[in-house]
Amino acid sequence: LSVIYDYAKENSGTLKQGVDAMEGIVKLMVGPVYRKIEGKPFEVLRLADRKVDDAIVKLDSHVPPSLKSRT
């Protein structure tokens, strides 16, 4: 899966800068949480994944339609 992501990211053209920025934000937000729960049961990781997904959905609702149409 990471190979596909890397390929898509490298071939995203003018969107690459936005992809890099979003990736940095997600790493910044998720990194500390991940370090705290690393090695914990799978259920905890699944909970964290759901929380991140919820945050992304909320963030997406605030992105103007004009910006969404450009990506």
PDB file of N, CA and C in Angstrom:
ATOM      1  N   LEU A   1       0.821  -1.194   0.000  1.00  0.00           N
ATOM      2  CA  LEU A   1       0.000   0.000   0.000  1.00  0.00           C
ATOM      3  C   LEU A   1       0.865   1.260   0.000  1.00  0.00           C
ATOM      4  N   SER A   2       1.955   1.248   0.749  1.00  0.00           N
ATOM      5  CA  SER A   2       2.807   2.439   0.793  1.00  0.00           C
ATOM      6  C   SER A   2       3.470   2.701  -0.555  1.00  0.00           C
ATOM      7  N   VAL A   3       3.736   1.640  -1.316  1.00  0.00           N
ATOM      8  CA  VAL A   3       4.327   1.808  -2.646  1.00  0.00           C
ATOM      9  C   VAL A   3       3.350   2.551  -3.554  1.00  0.00           C
ATOM     10  N   ILE A   4       2.078   2.189  -3.474  1.00  0.00           N
ATOM     11  CA  ILE A   4       1.049   2.852  -4.280  1.00  0.00           C
ATOM     12  C   ILE A   4       0.934   4.319  -3.866  1.00  0.00           C
ATOM     13  N   TYR A   5       0.939   4.571  -2.562  1.00  0.00           N
ATOM     14  CA  TYR A   5       0.849   5.947  -2.067  1.00  0.00           C
ATOM     15  C   TYR A   5       2.040   6.766  -2.561  1.00  0.00           C
ATOM     16  N   ASP A   6       3.241   6.203  -2.424  1.00  0.00           N
ATOM     17  CA  ASP A   6       4.439   6.915  -2.873  1.00  0.00           C
ATOM     18  C   ASP A   6       4.381   7.214  -4.368  1.00  0.00           C
ATOM     19  N   TYR A   7       3.928   6.250  -5.160  1.00  0.00           N
ATOM     20  CA  TYR A   7       3.809   6.446  -6.607  1.00  0.00           C
ATOM     21  C   TYR A   7       2.816   7.572  -6.915  1.00  0.00           C
ATOM     22  N   ALA A   8       1.652   7.523  -6.270  1.00  0.00           N
ATOM     23  CA  ALA A   8       0.629   8.546  -6.508  1.00  0.00           C
ATOM     24  C   ALA A   8       1.139   9.922  -6.091  1.00  0.00           C
ATOM     25  N   LYS A   9       1.835   9.971  -4.982  1.00  0.00           N
ATOM     26  CA  LYS A   9       2.358  11.241  -4.482  1.00  0.00           C
ATOM     27  C   LYS A   9       3.395  11.818  -5.445  1.00  0.00           C
ATOM     28  N   GLU A  10       4.296  10.984  -5.922  1.00  0.00           N
ATOM     29  CA  GLU A  10       5.335  11.445  -6.841  1.00  0.00           C
ATOM     30  C   GLU A  10       4.768  11.888  -8.185  1.00  0.00           C
ATOM     31  N   ASN A  11       3.628  11.348  -8.562  1.00  0.00           N
ATOM     32  CA  ASN A  11       3.032  11.666  -9.858  1.00  0.00           C
ATOM     33  C   ASN A  11       1.805  12.566  -9.727  1.00  0.00           C
ATOM     34  N   SER A  12       1.718  13.309  -8.648  1.00  0.00           N
ATOM     35  CA  SER A  12       0.552  14.158  -8.420  1.00  0.00           C
ATOM     36  C   SER A  12       0.679  15.535  -9.067  1.00  0.00           C
ATOM     37  N   GLY A  13       1.782  15.783  -9.733  1.00  0.00           N
ATOM     38  CA  GLY A  13       1.947  17.038 -10.471  1.00  0.00           C
ATOM     39  C   GLY A  13       1.860  18.257  -9.576  1.00  0.00           C
ATOM     40  N   THR A  14       0.978  19.172  -9.969  1.00  0.00           N
ATOM     41  CA  THR A  14       0.867  20.437  -9.238  1.00  0.00           C
ATOM     42  C   THR A  14       0.262  20.266  -7.847  1.00  0.00           C
ATOM     43  N   LEU A  15      -0.333  19.115  -7.591  1.00  0.00           N
ATOM     44  CA  LEU A  15      -0.936  18.870  -6.273  1.00  0.00           C
ATOM     45  C   LEU A  15       0.085  18.391  -5.242  1.00  0.00           C
ATOM     46  N   LYS A  16       1.305  18.075  -5.688  1.00  0.00           N
ATOM     47  CA  LYS A  16       2.313  17.495  -4.795  1.00  0.00           C
ATOM     48  C   LYS A  16       2.584  18.381  -3.579  1.00  0.00           C
ATOM     49  N   GLN A  17       2.664  19.680  -3.792  1.00  0.00           N
ATOM     50  CA  GLN A  17       2.929  20.585  -2.671  1.00  0.00           C
ATOM     51  C   GLN A  17       1.817  20.498  -1.629  1.00  0.00           C
ATOM     52  N   GLY A  18       0.564  20.438  -2.064  1.00  0.00           N
ATOM     53  CA  GLY A  18      -0.560  20.305  -1.139  1.00  0.00           C
ATOM     54  C   GLY A  18      -0.555  18.970  -0.424  1.00  0.00           C
ATOM     55  N   VAL A  19      -0.193  17.908  -1.153  1.00  0.00           N
ATOM     56  CA  VAL A  19      -0.111  16.574  -0.551  1.00  0.00           C
ATOM     57  C   VAL A  19       0.969  16.569   0.521  1.00  0.00           C
ATOM     58  N   ASP A  20       2.118  17.159   0.215  1.00  0.00           N
ATOM     59  CA  ASP A  20       3.206  17.230   1.197  1.00  0.00           C
ATOM     60  C   ASP A  20       2.785  18.014   2.439  1.00  0.00           C
ATOM     61  N   ALA A  21       2.076  19.118   2.229  1.00  0.00           N
ATOM     62  CA  ALA A  21       1.631  19.936   3.362  1.00  0.00           C
ATOM     63  C   ALA A  21       0.658  19.163   4.242  1.00  0.00           C
ATOM     64  N   MET A  22      -0.314  18.498   3.622  1.00  0.00           N
ATOM     65  CA  MET A  22      -1.301  17.734   4.390  1.00  0.00           C
ATOM     66  C   MET A  22      -0.631  16.568   5.117  1.00  0.00           C
ATOM     67  N   GLU A  23       0.317  15.920   4.455  1.00  0.00           N
ATOM     68  CA  GLU A  23       1.040  14.816   5.082  1.00  0.00           C
ATOM     69  C   GLU A  23       1.788  15.307   6.319  1.00  0.00           C
ATOM     70  N   GLY A  24       2.399  16.475   6.215  1.00  0.00           N
ATOM     71  CA  GLY A  24       3.118  17.044   7.352  1.00  0.00           C
ATOM     72  C   GLY A  24       2.195  17.346   8.519  1.00  0.00           C
ATOM     73  N   ILE A  25       1.015  17.876   8.224  1.00  0.00           N
ATOM     74  CA  ILE A  25       0.040  18.189   9.274  1.00  0.00           C
ATOM     75  C   ILE A  25      -0.426  16.915   9.965  1.00  0.00           C
ATOM     76  N   VAL A  26      -0.735  15.898   9.168  1.00  0.00           N
ATOM     77  CA  VAL A  26      -1.202  14.632   9.749  1.00  0.00           C
ATOM     78  C   VAL A  26      -0.111  14.016  10.614  1.00  0.00           C
ATOM     79  N   LYS A  27       1.138  14.025  10.135  1.00  0.00           N
ATOM     80  CA  LYS A  27       2.244  13.470  10.926  1.00  0.00           C
ATOM     81  C   LYS A  27       2.424  14.246  12.225  1.00  0.00           C
ATOM     82  N   LEU A  28       2.276  15.559  12.148  1.00  0.00           N
ATOM     83  CA  LEU A  28       2.420  16.394  13.337  1.00  0.00           C
ATOM     84  C   LEU A  28       1.348  16.072  14.370  1.00  0.00           C
ATOM     85  N   MET A  29       0.120  15.851  13.898  1.00  0.00           N
ATOM     86  CA  MET A  29      -0.992  15.570  14.806  1.00  0.00           C
ATOM     87  C   MET A  29      -0.959  14.136  15.329  1.00  0.00           C
ATOM     88  N   VAL A  30      -0.623  13.198  14.480  1.00  0.00           N
ATOM     89  CA  VAL A  30      -0.717  11.785  14.823  1.00  0.00           C
ATOM     90  C   VAL A  30       0.549  11.268  15.498  1.00  0.00           C
ATOM     91  N   GLY A  31       1.689  11.853  15.184  1.00  0.00           N
ATOM     92  CA  GLY A  31       2.967  11.371  15.696  1.00  0.00           C
ATOM     93  C   GLY A  31       3.022  11.180  17.204  1.00  0.00           C
ATOM     94  N   PRO A  32       2.694  12.207  17.989  1.00  0.00           N
ATOM     95  CA  PRO A  32       2.760  12.047  19.447  1.00  0.00           C
ATOM     96  C   PRO A  32       1.812  10.966  19.976  1.00  0.00           C
ATOM     97  N   VAL A  33       0.634  10.892  19.390  1.00  0.00           N
ATOM     98  CA  VAL A  33      -0.327   9.865  19.814  1.00  0.00           C
ATOM     99  C   VAL A  33       0.217   8.487  19.480  1.00  0.00           C
ATOM    100  N   TYR A  34       0.756   8.348  18.285  1.00  0.00           N
ATOM    101  CA  TYR A  34       1.298   7.053  17.860  1.00  0.00           C
ATOM    102  C   TYR A  34       2.414   6.598  18.798  1.00  0.00           C
ATOM    103  N   ARG A  35       3.297   7.516  19.155  1.00  0.00           N
ATOM    104  CA  ARG A  35       4.409   7.140  20.044  1.00  0.00           C
ATOM    105  C   ARG A  35       3.905   6.671  21.410  1.00  0.00           C
ATOM    106  N   LYS A  36       2.797   7.247  21.880  1.00  0.00           N
ATOM    107  CA  LYS A  36       2.244   6.837  23.176  1.00  0.00           C
ATOM    108  C   LYS A  36       1.616   5.453  23.125  1.00  0.00           C
ATOM    109  N   ILE A  37       0.993   5.104  22.000  1.00  0.00           N
ATOM    110  CA  ILE A  37       0.263   3.831  21.943  1.00  0.00           C
ATOM    111  C   ILE A  37       1.012   2.746  21.182  1.00  0.00           C
ATOM    112  N   GLU A  38       2.205   3.059  20.693  1.00  0.00           N
ATOM    113  CA  GLU A  38       2.980   2.069  19.957  1.00  0.00           C
ATOM    114  C   GLU A  38       3.210   0.835  20.831  1.00  0.00           C
ATOM    115  N   GLY A  39       2.950  -0.320  20.267  1.00  0.00           N
ATOM    116  CA  GLY A  39       3.101  -1.565  20.998  1.00  0.00           C
ATOM    117  C   GLY A  39       1.870  -1.961  21.790  1.00  0.00           C
ATOM    118  N   LYS A  40       0.849  -1.124  21.777  1.00  0.00           N
ATOM    119  CA  LYS A  40      -0.398  -1.427  22.483  1.00  0.00           C
ATOM    120  C   LYS A  40      -1.264  -2.330  21.610  1.00  0.00           C
ATOM    121  N   PRO A  41      -2.320  -2.854  22.180  1.00  0.00           N
ATOM    122  CA  PRO A  41      -3.203  -3.738  21.414  1.00  0.00           C
ATOM    123  C   PRO A  41      -3.774  -3.060  20.166  1.00  0.00           C
ATOM    124  N   PHE A  42      -4.099  -3.890  19.193  1.00  0.00           N
ATOM    125  CA  PHE A  42      -4.625  -3.427  17.910  1.00  0.00           C
ATOM    126  C   PHE A  42      -5.868  -2.565  18.073  1.00  0.00           C
ATOM    127  N   GLU A  43      -6.690  -2.846  19.055  1.00  0.00           N
ATOM    128  CA  GLU A  43      -7.929  -2.091  19.259  1.00  0.00           C
ATOM    129  C   GLU A  43      -7.645  -0.613  19.527  1.00  0.00           C
ATOM    130  N   VAL A  44      -6.579  -0.334  20.251  1.00  0.00           N
ATOM    131  CA  VAL A  44      -6.222   1.053  20.545  1.00  0.00           C
ATOM    132  C   VAL A  44      -5.811   1.762  19.254  1.00  0.00           C
ATOM    133  N   LEU A  45      -5.053   1.071  18.421  1.00  0.00           N
ATOM    134  CA  LEU A  45      -4.657   1.659  17.149  1.00  0.00           C
ATOM    135  C   LEU A  45      -5.870   1.900  16.254  1.00  0.00           C
ATOM    136  N   ARG A  46      -6.820   0.980  16.296  1.00  0.00           N
ATOM    137  CA  ARG A  46      -8.031   1.142  15.493  1.00  0.00           C
ATOM    138  C   ARG A  46      -8.832   2.352  15.989  1.00  0.00           C
ATOM    139  N   LEU A  47      -8.907   2.546  17.297  1.00  0.00           N
ATOM    140  CA  LEU A  47      -9.589   3.709  17.859  1.00  0.00           C
ATOM    141  C   LEU A  47      -8.912   5.002  17.392  1.00  0.00           C
ATOM    142  N   ALA A  48      -7.593   5.023  17.444  1.00  0.00           N
ATOM    143  CA  ALA A  48      -6.861   6.208  16.993  1.00  0.00           C
ATOM    144  C   ALA A  48      -7.129   6.477  15.517  1.00  0.00           C
ATOM    145  N   ASP A  49      -7.183   5.436  14.724  1.00  0.00           N
ATOM    146  CA  ASP A  49      -7.460   5.592  13.297  1.00  0.00           C
ATOM    147  C   ASP A  49      -8.832   6.212  13.072  1.00  0.00           C
ATOM    148  N   ARG A  50      -9.812   5.765  13.827  1.00  0.00           N
ATOM    149  CA  ARG A  50     -11.163   6.325  13.695  1.00  0.00           C
ATOM    150  C   ARG A  50     -11.181   7.803  14.091  1.00  0.00           C
ATOM    151  N   LYS A  51     -10.445   8.145  15.147  1.00  0.00           N
ATOM    152  CA  LYS A  51     -10.402   9.541  15.599  1.00  0.00           C
ATOM    153  C   LYS A  51      -9.758  10.437  14.537  1.00  0.00           C
ATOM    154  N   VAL A  52      -8.688   9.956  13.928  1.00  0.00           N
ATOM    155  CA  VAL A  52      -8.036  10.721  12.866  1.00  0.00           C
ATOM    156  C   VAL A  52      -8.983  10.866  11.683  1.00  0.00           C
ATOM    157  N   ASP A  53      -9.677   9.791  11.334  1.00  0.00           N
ATOM    158  CA  ASP A  53     -10.642   9.843  10.238  1.00  0.00           C
ATOM    159  C   ASP A  53     -11.725  10.875  10.527  1.00  0.00           C
ATOM    160  N   ASP A  54     -12.234  10.892  11.745  1.00  0.00           N
ATOM    161  CA  ASP A  54     -13.250  11.880  12.129  1.00  0.00           C
ATOM    162  C   ASP A  54     -12.714  13.304  11.977  1.00  0.00           C
ATOM    163  N   ALA A  55     -11.466  13.511  12.384  1.00  0.00           N
ATOM    164  CA  ALA A  55     -10.866  14.843  12.282  1.00  0.00           C
ATOM    165  C   ALA A  55     -10.717  15.268  10.823  1.00  0.00           C
ATOM    166  N   ILE A  56     -10.330  14.346   9.963  1.00  0.00           N
ATOM    167  CA  ILE A  56     -10.171  14.662   8.543  1.00  0.00           C
ATOM    168  C   ILE A  56     -11.520  14.997   7.918  1.00  0.00           C
ATOM    169  N   VAL A  57     -12.559  14.259   8.295  1.00  0.00           N
ATOM    170  CA  VAL A  57     -13.905  14.538   7.771  1.00  0.00           C
ATOM    171  C   VAL A  57     -14.345  15.939   8.193  1.00  0.00           C
ATOM    172  N   LYS A  58     -14.102  16.295   9.462  1.00  0.00           N
ATOM    173  CA  LYS A  58     -14.460  17.637   9.938  1.00  0.00           C
ATOM    174  C   LYS A  58     -13.655  18.708   9.209  1.00  0.00           C
ATOM    175  N   LEU A  59     -12.370  18.458   9.022  1.00  0.00           N
ATOM    176  CA  LEU A  59     -11.519  19.400   8.299  1.00  0.00           C
ATOM    177  C   LEU A  59     -12.021  19.578   6.873  1.00  0.00           C
ATOM    178  N   ASP A  60     -12.395  18.486   6.239  1.00  0.00           N
ATOM    179  CA  ASP A  60     -12.885  18.525   4.863  1.00  0.00           C
ATOM    180  C   ASP A  60     -14.147  19.371   4.745  1.00  0.00           C
ATOM    181  N   SER A  61     -14.980  19.364   5.781  1.00  0.00           N
ATOM    182  CA  SER A  61     -16.223  20.146   5.724  1.00  0.00           C
ATOM    183  C   SER A  61     -15.956  21.651   5.748  1.00  0.00           C
ATOM    184  N   HIS A  62     -14.757  22.061   6.150  1.00  0.00           N
ATOM    185  CA  HIS A  62     -14.411  23.479   6.203  1.00  0.00           C
ATOM    186  C   HIS A  62     -13.635  23.956   4.975  1.00  0.00           C
ATOM    187  N   VAL A  63     -13.263  23.024   4.103  1.00  0.00           N
ATOM    188  CA  VAL A  63     -12.525  23.398   2.895  1.00  0.00           C
ATOM    189  C   VAL A  63     -13.512  23.976   1.884  1.00  0.00           C
ATOM    190  N   PRO A  64     -13.244  25.160   1.373  1.00  0.00           N
ATOM    191  CA  PRO A  64     -14.160  25.779   0.413  1.00  0.00           C
ATOM    192  C   PRO A  64     -14.309  24.926  -0.856  1.00  0.00           C
ATOM    193  N   PRO A  65     -15.516  24.884  -1.416  1.00  0.00           N
ATOM    194  CA  PRO A  65     -15.740  24.103  -2.640  1.00  0.00           C
ATOM    195  C   PRO A  65     -14.805  24.503  -3.780  1.00  0.00           C
ATOM    196  N   SER A  66     -14.457  25.784  -3.857  1.00  0.00           N
ATOM    197  CA  SER A  66     -13.560  26.224  -4.931  1.00  0.00           C
ATOM    198  C   SER A  66     -12.187  25.573  -4.808  1.00  0.00           C
ATOM    199  N   LEU A  67     -11.730  25.354  -3.594  1.00  0.00           N
ATOM    200  CA  LEU A  67     -10.447  24.687  -3.389  1.00  0.00           C
ATOM    201  C   LEU A  67     -10.563  23.200  -3.689  1.00  0.00           C
ATOM    202  N   LYS A  68     -11.676  22.593  -3.301  1.00  0.00           N
ATOM    203  CA  LYS A  68     -11.885  21.171  -3.580  1.00  0.00           C
ATOM    204  C   LYS A  68     -11.919  20.908  -5.076  1.00  0.00           C
ATOM    205  N   SER A  69     -12.500  21.814  -5.840  1.00  0.00           N
ATOM    206  CA  SER A  69     -12.608  21.604  -7.283  1.00  0.00           C
ATOM    207  C   SER A  69     -11.254  21.716  -7.974  1.00  0.00           C
ATOM    208  N   ARG A  70     -10.287  22.333  -7.333  1.00  0.00           N
ATOM    209  CA  ARG A  70      -8.940  22.471  -7.908  1.00  0.00           C
ATOM    210  C   ARG A  70      -8.093  21.246  -7.663  1.00  0.00           C
ATOM    211  N   THR A  71      -8.485  20.409  -6.727  1.00  0.00           N
ATOM    212  CA  THR A  71      -7.670  19.245  -6.388  1.00  0.00           C
ATOM    213  C   THR A  71      -8.203  17.987  -6.994  1.00  0.00           C
TER     214      THR A  71
END
